[in-house]
Every structure is written in C-alpha cells, then in structure tokens.
Amino acid sequence: MVLQRVLHFYSFLPPTAFAAEQTVEAPSVDARAWILMDYASGKVLAEGNADEKLDPASLTKIMTSYVVGPGA
C-alpha cells in the first residue's frame, strides 16, 4: 500500500519537471505592433514591433465615450 502511494506520487513528477523547458513559437498576430507578457513576473514572452510608437486610436475613442458618459 505504501509502495503504491510512493509510486503514484513519483509518477506525477516527470511531466511537471519537463513542462517548464518547453518553448512555444510566437503567435501570428495581424497587428502593426503587439506584446505578450507574463502577468505575474512581467517577463516579455513575445513581441512584434513593440517599440514602435503608434497612436492609440480606438482606445482614445473608448476613453472619450467613457469620460463623457451616456448622456452626451
């Protein structure tokens, strides 16, 4: 019984031990500039033209409608 528990416990270690070593290709994003970051660590996982300066067009429109409010 104890041997079964020990074997059961160790059977979960190899998949989790090697999971961190896997790498994934950067996603294909249809945008002029984009960035993908890990929220917890702040580490940049992938980016495409992340340093390019762009006007925040849609974001500006959304914030303007939010600030002005529904009555305007």
PDB file of N, CA and C in Angstrom:
ATOM      1  N   MET A   1       0.829  -1.199   0.000  1.00  0.00           N
ATOM      2  CA  MET A   1       0.000   0.000   0.000  1.00  0.00           C
ATOM      3  C   MET A   1       0.875   1.267   0.000  1.00  0.00           C
ATOM      4  N   VAL A   2       1.886   1.255   0.850  1.00  0.00           N
ATOM      5  CA  VAL A   2       2.779   2.409   0.911  1.00  0.00           C
ATOM      6  C   VAL A   2       3.559   2.536  -0.401  1.00  0.00           C
ATOM      7  N   LEU A   3       3.985   1.412  -0.944  1.00  0.00           N
ATOM      8  CA  LEU A   3       4.714   1.428  -2.204  1.00  0.00           C
ATOM      9  C   LEU A   3       3.853   1.997  -3.329  1.00  0.00           C
ATOM     10  N   GLN A   4       2.579   1.657  -3.342  1.00  0.00           N
ATOM     11  CA  GLN A   4       1.675   2.191  -4.358  1.00  0.00           C
ATOM     12  C   GLN A   4       1.555   3.706  -4.242  1.00  0.00           C
ATOM     13  N   ARG A   5       1.462   4.208  -3.033  1.00  0.00           N
ATOM     14  CA  ARG A   5       1.354   5.659  -2.827  1.00  0.00           C
ATOM     15  C   ARG A   5       2.625   6.374  -3.278  1.00  0.00           C
ATOM     16  N   VAL A   6       3.766   5.785  -2.957  1.00  0.00           N
ATOM     17  CA  VAL A   6       5.038   6.395  -3.350  1.00  0.00           C
ATOM     18  C   VAL A   6       5.165   6.407  -4.870  1.00  0.00           C
ATOM     19  N   LEU A   7       4.843   5.289  -5.510  1.00  0.00           N
ATOM     20  CA  LEU A   7       4.910   5.230  -6.969  1.00  0.00           C
ATOM     21  C   LEU A   7       3.912   6.186  -7.609  1.00  0.00           C
ATOM     22  N   HIS A   8       2.740   6.283  -7.015  1.00  0.00           N
ATOM     23  CA  HIS A   8       1.730   7.209  -7.533  1.00  0.00           C
ATOM     24  C   HIS A   8       2.225   8.654  -7.433  1.00  0.00           C
ATOM     25  N   PHE A   9       2.845   8.992  -6.309  1.00  0.00           N
ATOM     26  CA  PHE A   9       3.373  10.340  -6.110  1.00  0.00           C
ATOM     27  C   PHE A   9       4.451  10.660  -7.147  1.00  0.00           C
ATOM     28  N   TYR A  10       5.399   9.748  -7.333  1.00  0.00           N
ATOM     29  CA  TYR A  10       6.504   9.995  -8.256  1.00  0.00           C
ATOM     30  C   TYR A  10       6.092   9.910  -9.723  1.00  0.00           C
ATOM     31  N   SER A  11       4.955   9.315 -10.005  1.00  0.00           N
ATOM     32  CA  SER A  11       4.513   9.240 -11.398  1.00  0.00           C
ATOM     33  C   SER A  11       4.118  10.617 -11.942  1.00  0.00           C
ATOM     34  N   PHE A  12       3.832  11.566 -11.056  1.00  0.00           N
ATOM     35  CA  PHE A  12       3.457  12.910 -11.491  1.00  0.00           C
ATOM     36  C   PHE A  12       4.659  13.840 -11.649  1.00  0.00           C
ATOM     37  N   LEU A  13       5.810  13.465 -11.169  1.00  0.00           N
ATOM     38  CA  LEU A  13       6.973  14.346 -11.222  1.00  0.00           C
ATOM     39  C   LEU A  13       7.566  14.532 -12.618  1.00  0.00           C
ATOM     40  N   PRO A  14       7.805  13.512 -13.406  1.00  0.00           N
ATOM     41  CA  PRO A  14       8.439  13.754 -14.716  1.00  0.00           C
ATOM     42  C   PRO A  14       7.681  14.714 -15.624  1.00  0.00           C
ATOM     43  N   PRO A  15       6.354  14.600 -15.780  1.00  0.00           N
ATOM     44  CA  PRO A  15       5.679  15.566 -16.666  1.00  0.00           C
ATOM     45  C   PRO A  15       5.813  17.009 -16.186  1.00  0.00           C
ATOM     46  N   THR A  16       5.736  17.227 -14.889  1.00  0.00           N
ATOM     47  CA  THR A  16       5.833  18.597 -14.387  1.00  0.00           C
ATOM     48  C   THR A  16       7.272  19.092 -14.389  1.00  0.00           C
ATOM     49  N   ALA A  17       8.237  18.201 -14.259  1.00  0.00           N
ATOM     50  CA  ALA A  17       9.640  18.609 -14.244  1.00  0.00           C
ATOM     51  C   ALA A  17      10.086  19.113 -15.610  1.00  0.00           C
ATOM     52  N   PHE A  18       9.561  18.539 -16.677  1.00  0.00           N
ATOM     53  CA  PHE A  18       9.963  18.930 -18.020  1.00  0.00           C
ATOM     54  C   PHE A  18       9.038  19.955 -18.650  1.00  0.00           C
ATOM     55  N   ALA A  19       7.955  20.282 -18.005  1.00  0.00           N
ATOM     56  CA  ALA A  19       6.985  21.214 -18.582  1.00  0.00           C
ATOM     57  C   ALA A  19       7.580  22.610 -18.754  1.00  0.00           C
ATOM     58  N   ALA A  20       8.428  23.043 -17.844  1.00  0.00           N
ATOM     59  CA  ALA A  20       8.989  24.391 -17.904  1.00  0.00           C
ATOM     60  C   ALA A  20      10.007  24.545 -19.034  1.00  0.00           C
ATOM     61  N   GLU A  21      10.552  23.440 -19.532  1.00  0.00           N
ATOM     62  CA  GLU A  21      11.575  23.513 -20.563  1.00  0.00           C
ATOM     63  C   GLU A  21      10.999  23.666 -21.964  1.00  0.00           C
ATOM     64  N   GLN A  22       9.707  23.500 -22.128  1.00  0.00           N
ATOM     65  CA  GLN A  22       9.108  23.581 -23.448  1.00  0.00           C
ATOM     66  C   GLN A  22       9.052  25.024 -23.921  1.00  0.00           C
ATOM     67  N   THR A  23       9.279  25.211 -25.200  1.00  0.00           N
ATOM     68  CA  THR A  23       9.160  26.536 -25.791  1.00  0.00           C
ATOM     69  C   THR A  23       8.063  26.507 -26.846  1.00  0.00           C
ATOM     70  N   VAL A  24       7.402  27.609 -26.989  1.00  0.00           N
ATOM     71  CA  VAL A  24       6.304  27.730 -27.936  1.00  0.00           C
ATOM     72  C   VAL A  24       6.649  28.836 -28.925  1.00  0.00           C
ATOM     73  N   GLU A  25       6.269  28.654 -30.176  1.00  0.00           N
ATOM     74  CA  GLU A  25       6.519  29.686 -31.180  1.00  0.00           C
ATOM     75  C   GLU A  25       5.673  30.920 -30.894  1.00  0.00           C
ATOM     76  N   ALA A  26       6.171  32.066 -31.304  1.00  0.00           N
ATOM     77  CA  ALA A  26       5.410  33.311 -31.144  1.00  0.00           C
ATOM     78  C   ALA A  26       4.134  33.223 -31.985  1.00  0.00           C
ATOM     79  N   PRO A  27       3.045  33.763 -31.460  1.00  0.00           N
ATOM     80  CA  PRO A  27       1.786  33.696 -32.211  1.00  0.00           C
ATOM     81  C   PRO A  27       1.825  34.580 -33.455  1.00  0.00           C
ATOM     82  N   SER A  28       1.003  34.243 -34.414  1.00  0.00           N
ATOM     83  CA  SER A  28       0.871  35.057 -35.616  1.00  0.00           C
ATOM     84  C   SER A  28      -0.249  36.067 -35.365  1.00  0.00           C
ATOM     85  N   VAL A  29       0.105  37.328 -35.213  1.00  0.00           N
ATOM     86  CA  VAL A  29      -0.853  38.371 -34.865  1.00  0.00           C
ATOM     87  C   VAL A  29      -0.983  39.341 -36.032  1.00  0.00           C
ATOM     88  N   ASP A  30      -2.213  39.648 -36.411  1.00  0.00           N
ATOM     89  CA  ASP A  30      -2.466  40.589 -37.505  1.00  0.00           C
ATOM     90  C   ASP A  30      -2.583  41.997 -36.914  1.00  0.00           C
ATOM     91  N   ALA A  31      -1.438  42.562 -36.546  1.00  0.00           N
ATOM     92  CA  ALA A  31      -1.399  43.898 -35.951  1.00  0.00           C
ATOM     93  C   ALA A  31      -0.057  44.536 -36.290  1.00  0.00           C
ATOM     94  N   ARG A  32      -0.009  45.860 -36.284  1.00  0.00           N
ATOM     95  CA  ARG A  32       1.252  46.549 -36.576  1.00  0.00           C
ATOM     96  C   ARG A  32       2.245  46.396 -35.436  1.00  0.00           C
ATOM     97  N   ALA A  33       1.756  46.375 -34.210  1.00  0.00           N
ATOM     98  CA  ALA A  33       2.623  46.205 -33.052  1.00  0.00           C
ATOM     99  C   ALA A  33       1.857  45.457 -31.973  1.00  0.00           C
ATOM    100  N   TRP A  34       2.549  44.570 -31.264  1.00  0.00           N
ATOM    101  CA  TRP A  34       1.913  43.801 -30.198  1.00  0.00           C
ATOM    102  C   TRP A  34       2.979  43.317 -29.225  1.00  0.00           C
ATOM    103  N   ILE A  35       2.518  42.947 -28.017  1.00  0.00           N
ATOM    104  CA  ILE A  35       3.420  42.420 -26.993  1.00  0.00           C
ATOM    105  C   ILE A  35       2.644  41.436 -26.125  1.00  0.00           C
ATOM    106  N   LEU A  36       3.300  40.346 -25.737  1.00  0.00           N
ATOM    107  CA  LEU A  36       2.714  39.324 -24.877  1.00  0.00           C
ATOM    108  C   LEU A  36       3.600  39.198 -23.651  1.00  0.00           C
ATOM    109  N   MET A  37       3.015  39.471 -22.456  1.00  0.00           N
ATOM    110  CA  MET A  37       3.782  39.451 -21.217  1.00  0.00           C
ATOM    111  C   MET A  37       3.151  38.501 -20.216  1.00  0.00           C
ATOM    112  N   ASP A  38       3.986  37.958 -19.321  1.00  0.00           N
ATOM    113  CA  ASP A  38       3.502  37.163 -18.203  1.00  0.00           C
ATOM    114  C   ASP A  38       3.066  38.136 -17.119  1.00  0.00           C
ATOM    115  N   TYR A  39       1.810  38.045 -16.692  1.00  0.00           N
ATOM    116  CA  TYR A  39       1.256  38.992 -15.728  1.00  0.00           C
ATOM    117  C   TYR A  39       2.004  38.937 -14.399  1.00  0.00           C
ATOM    118  N   ALA A  40       2.278  37.755 -13.900  1.00  0.00           N
ATOM    119  CA  ALA A  40       2.885  37.610 -12.575  1.00  0.00           C
ATOM    120  C   ALA A  40       4.319  38.125 -12.528  1.00  0.00           C
ATOM    121  N   SER A  41       5.122  37.791 -13.532  1.00  0.00           N
ATOM    122  CA  SER A  41       6.537  38.160 -13.487  1.00  0.00           C
ATOM    123  C   SER A  41       6.857  39.430 -14.266  1.00  0.00           C
ATOM    124  N   GLY A  42       5.985  39.820 -15.190  1.00  0.00           N
ATOM    125  CA  GLY A  42       6.257  40.974 -16.033  1.00  0.00           C
ATOM    126  C   GLY A  42       7.231  40.671 -17.158  1.00  0.00           C
ATOM    127  N   LYS A  43       7.586  39.403 -17.326  1.00  0.00           N
ATOM    128  CA  LYS A  43       8.532  38.987 -18.361  1.00  0.00           C
ATOM    129  C   LYS A  43       7.860  39.037 -19.732  1.00  0.00           C
ATOM    130  N   VAL A  44       8.563  39.592 -20.716  1.00  0.00           N
ATOM    131  CA  VAL A  44       8.055  39.644 -22.088  1.00  0.00           C
ATOM    132  C   VAL A  44       8.256  38.269 -22.708  1.00  0.00           C
ATOM    133  N   LEU A  45       7.149  37.634 -23.107  1.00  0.00           N
ATOM    134  CA  LEU A  45       7.209  36.304 -23.701  1.00  0.00           C
ATOM    135  C   LEU A  45       7.415  36.373 -25.209  1.00  0.00           C
ATOM    136  N   ALA A  46       6.774  37.325 -25.852  1.00  0.00           N
ATOM    137  CA  ALA A  46       6.911  37.508 -27.296  1.00  0.00           C
ATOM    138  C   ALA A  46       6.487  38.926 -27.639  1.00  0.00           C
ATOM    139  N   GLU A  47       6.999  39.438 -28.758  1.00  0.00           N
ATOM    140  CA  GLU A  47       6.625  40.784 -29.181  1.00  0.00           C
ATOM    141  C   GLU A  47       6.832  40.940 -30.671  1.00  0.00           C
ATOM    142  N   GLY A  48       6.147  41.914 -31.211  1.00  0.00           N
ATOM    143  CA  GLY A  48       6.294  42.253 -32.614  1.00  0.00           C
ATOM    144  C   GLY A  48       6.197  43.764 -32.757  1.00  0.00           C
ATOM    145  N   ASN A  49       7.296  44.416 -33.080  1.00  0.00           N
ATOM    146  CA  ASN A  49       7.362  45.883 -33.192  1.00  0.00           C
ATOM    147  C   ASN A  49       6.870  46.568 -31.920  1.00  0.00           C
ATOM    148  N   ALA A  50       7.216  46.017 -30.777  1.00  0.00           N
ATOM    149  CA  ALA A  50       6.720  46.550 -29.508  1.00  0.00           C
ATOM    150  C   ALA A  50       7.219  47.964 -29.226  1.00  0.00           C
ATOM    151  N   ASP A  51       8.351  48.346 -29.780  1.00  0.00           N
ATOM    152  CA  ASP A  51       8.906  49.680 -29.529  1.00  0.00           C
ATOM    153  C   ASP A  51       8.410  50.729 -30.515  1.00  0.00           C
ATOM    154  N   GLU A  52       7.613  50.318 -31.485  1.00  0.00           N
ATOM    155  CA  GLU A  52       7.084  51.260 -32.479  1.00  0.00           C
ATOM    156  C   GLU A  52       6.033  52.164 -31.831  1.00  0.00           C
ATOM    157  N   LYS A  53       6.150  53.470 -32.027  1.00  0.00           N
ATOM    158  CA  LYS A  53       5.194  54.417 -31.454  1.00  0.00           C
ATOM    159  C   LYS A  53       3.991  54.535 -32.378  1.00  0.00           C
ATOM    160  N   LEU A  54       2.799  54.272 -31.825  1.00  0.00           N
ATOM    161  CA  LEU A  54       1.554  54.314 -32.593  1.00  0.00           C
ATOM    162  C   LEU A  54       0.521  55.138 -31.845  1.00  0.00           C
ATOM    163  N   ASP A  55      -0.388  55.751 -32.574  1.00  0.00           N
ATOM    164  CA  ASP A  55      -1.495  56.461 -31.941  1.00  0.00           C
ATOM    165  C   ASP A  55      -2.505  55.439 -31.422  1.00  0.00           C
ATOM    166  N   PRO A  56      -3.041  55.660 -30.222  1.00  0.00           N
ATOM    167  CA  PRO A  56      -3.971  54.691 -29.626  1.00  0.00           C
ATOM    168  C   PRO A  56      -5.402  54.850 -30.114  1.00  0.00           C
ATOM    169  N   ALA A  57      -5.641  55.009 -31.373  1.00  0.00           N
ATOM    170  CA  ALA A  57      -6.922  55.359 -31.996  1.00  0.00           C
ATOM    171  C   ALA A  57      -8.154  54.825 -31.277  1.00  0.00           C
ATOM    172  N   SER A  58      -8.381  53.549 -31.272  1.00  0.00           N
ATOM    173  CA  SER A  58      -9.609  53.005 -30.695  1.00  0.00           C
ATOM    174  C   SER A  58      -9.675  53.232 -29.192  1.00  0.00           C
ATOM    175  N   LEU A  59      -8.542  53.125 -28.518  1.00  0.00           N
ATOM    176  CA  LEU A  59      -8.520  53.348 -27.078  1.00  0.00           C
ATOM    177  C   LEU A  59      -8.927  54.778 -26.745  1.00  0.00           C
ATOM    178  N   THR A  60      -8.486  55.737 -27.537  1.00  0.00           N
ATOM    179  CA  THR A  60      -8.870  57.131 -27.332  1.00  0.00           C
ATOM    180  C   THR A  60     -10.375  57.303 -27.477  1.00  0.00           C
ATOM    181  N   LYS A  61     -10.958  56.678 -28.470  1.00  0.00           N
ATOM    182  CA  LYS A  61     -12.408  56.771 -28.678  1.00  0.00           C
ATOM    183  C   LYS A  61     -13.179  56.138 -27.525  1.00  0.00           C
ATOM    184  N   ILE A  62     -12.718  55.010 -27.053  1.00  0.00           N
ATOM    185  CA  ILE A  62     -13.397  54.335 -25.939  1.00  0.00           C
ATOM    186  C   ILE A  62     -13.323  55.183 -24.679  1.00  0.00           C
ATOM    187  N   MET A  63     -12.147  55.715 -24.349  1.00  0.00           N
ATOM    188  CA  MET A  63     -11.998  56.524 -23.137  1.00  0.00           C
ATOM    189  C   MET A  63     -12.789  57.821 -23.243  1.00  0.00           C
ATOM    190  N   THR A  64     -12.859  58.428 -24.415  1.00  0.00           N
ATOM    191  CA  THR A  64     -13.649  59.643 -24.588  1.00  0.00           C
ATOM    192  C   THR A  64     -15.113  59.359 -24.317  1.00  0.00           C
ATOM    193  N   SER A  65     -15.638  58.274 -24.857  1.00  0.00           N
ATOM    194  CA  SER A  65     -17.045  57.943 -24.617  1.00  0.00           C
ATOM    195  C   SER A  65     -17.282  57.577 -23.157  1.00  0.00           C
ATOM    196  N   TYR A  66     -16.296  56.991 -22.488  1.00  0.00           N
ATOM    197  CA  TYR A  66     -16.430  56.643 -21.070  1.00  0.00           C
ATOM    198  C   TYR A  66     -16.446  57.898 -20.201  1.00  0.00           C
ATOM    199  N   VAL A  67     -15.565  58.848 -20.487  1.00  0.00           N
ATOM    200  CA  VAL A  67     -15.470  60.076 -19.693  1.00  0.00           C
ATOM    201  C   VAL A  67     -16.681  60.966 -19.919  1.00  0.00           C
ATOM    202  N   VAL A  68     -17.094  61.112 -21.166  1.00  0.00           N
ATOM    203  CA  VAL A  68     -18.242  61.960 -21.485  1.00  0.00           C
ATOM    204  C   VAL A  68     -19.515  61.355 -20.912  1.00  0.00           C
ATOM    205  N   GLY A  69     -19.656  60.060 -20.993  1.00  0.00           N
ATOM    206  CA  GLY A  69     -20.805  59.379 -20.408  1.00  0.00           C
ATOM    207  C   GLY A  69     -21.933  59.150 -21.393  1.00  0.00           C
ATOM    208  N   PRO A  70     -22.922  58.371 -20.977  1.00  0.00           N
ATOM    209  CA  PRO A  70     -24.016  58.006 -21.873  1.00  0.00           C
ATOM    210  C   PRO A  70     -24.992  59.150 -22.156  1.00  0.00           C
ATOM    211  N   GLY A  71     -25.002  60.196 -21.367  1.00  0.00           N
ATOM    212  CA  GLY A  71     -25.955  61.290 -21.544  1.00  0.00           C
ATOM    213  C   GLY A  71     -25.567  62.284 -22.620  1.00  0.00           C
ATOM    214  N   ALA A  72     -24.361  62.192 -23.126  1.00  0.00           N
ATOM    215  CA  ALA A  72     -23.893  63.183 -24.105  1.00  0.00           C
ATOM    216  C   ALA A  72     -24.306  62.858 -25.511  1.00  0.00           C
TER     217      ALA A  72
END
